[in-house]
Amino acid sequence: MFNVNVRYPFFGTRTGVPTMKQAGGGSIINILSIYGR
């Protein structure tokens, strides 16, 4: 569950940032579940 709730948003954000910089901005919305089992 750690991989899904922490690592995926981190690496997903890291992948999208260069595109957002090139476009001049953007928004990142991460929705995580603290109830995952």
C-alpha atoms as a PDB file:
ATOM      1  CA  MET A   1       0.000   0.000   0.000  1.00  0.00           C
ATOM      2  CA  PHE A   2       2.950   2.326   0.615  1.00  0.00           C
ATOM      3  CA  ASN A   3       3.844   2.105  -3.076  1.00  0.00           C
ATOM      4  CA  VAL A   4       0.373   3.171  -4.152  1.00  0.00           C
ATOM      5  CA  ASN A   5      -0.199   5.933  -1.598  1.00  0.00           C
ATOM      6  CA  VAL A   6       3.253   7.522  -1.514  1.00  0.00           C
ATOM      7  CA  ARG A   7       5.508   6.453  -4.339  1.00  0.00           C
ATOM      8  CA  TYR A   8       3.042   6.675  -7.218  1.00  0.00           C
ATOM      9  CA  PRO A   9       2.059  10.313  -6.540  1.00  0.00           C
ATOM     10  CA  PHE A  10       5.734  11.232  -6.036  1.00  0.00           C
ATOM     11  CA  PHE A  11       6.923   9.690  -9.296  1.00  0.00           C
ATOM     12  CA  GLY A  12       3.821  10.799 -11.177  1.00  0.00           C
ATOM     13  CA  THR A  13       4.389  14.381 -10.057  1.00  0.00           C
ATOM     14  CA  ARG A  14       8.066  14.161 -10.907  1.00  0.00           C
ATOM     15  CA  THR A  15       7.197  12.955 -14.410  1.00  0.00           C
ATOM     16  CA  GLY A  16       4.694  15.749 -15.063  1.00  0.00           C
ATOM     17  CA  VAL A  17       6.694  18.724 -13.765  1.00  0.00           C
ATOM     18  CA  PRO A  18       8.895  19.210 -16.871  1.00  0.00           C
ATOM     19  CA  THR A  19       5.792  19.389 -19.083  1.00  0.00           C
ATOM     20  CA  MET A  20       4.172  21.894 -16.745  1.00  0.00           C
ATOM     21  CA  LYS A  21       7.322  24.039 -16.701  1.00  0.00           C
ATOM     22  CA  GLN A  22       7.406  24.030 -20.496  1.00  0.00           C
ATOM     23  CA  ALA A  23       3.724  25.003 -20.631  1.00  0.00           C
ATOM     24  CA  GLY A  24       4.253  27.842 -18.158  1.00  0.00           C
ATOM     25  CA  GLY A  25       2.336  26.379 -15.234  1.00  0.00           C
ATOM     26  CA  GLY A  26      -0.239  23.893 -14.122  1.00  0.00           C
ATOM     27  CA  SER A  27      -1.821  22.233 -11.129  1.00  0.00           C
ATOM     28  CA  ILE A  28      -1.040  19.018  -9.313  1.00  0.00           C
ATOM     29  CA  ILE A  29      -3.811  17.429  -7.282  1.00  0.00           C
ATOM     30  CA  ASN A  30      -2.935  14.290  -5.344  1.00  0.00           C
ATOM     31  CA  ILE A  31      -5.736  12.433  -3.608  1.00  0.00           C
ATOM     32  CA  LEU A  32      -4.468   9.818  -1.183  1.00  0.00           C
ATOM     33  CA  SER A  33      -6.319   7.335   0.948  1.00  0.00           C
ATOM     34  CA  ILE A  34      -5.300   7.030   4.575  1.00  0.00           C
ATOM     35  CA  TYR A  35      -7.705   4.111   4.928  1.00  0.00           C
ATOM     36  CA  GLY A  36      -6.025   1.790   2.420  1.00  0.00           C
ATOM     37  CA  ARG A  37      -5.303  -1.735   3.611  1.00  0.00           C
END
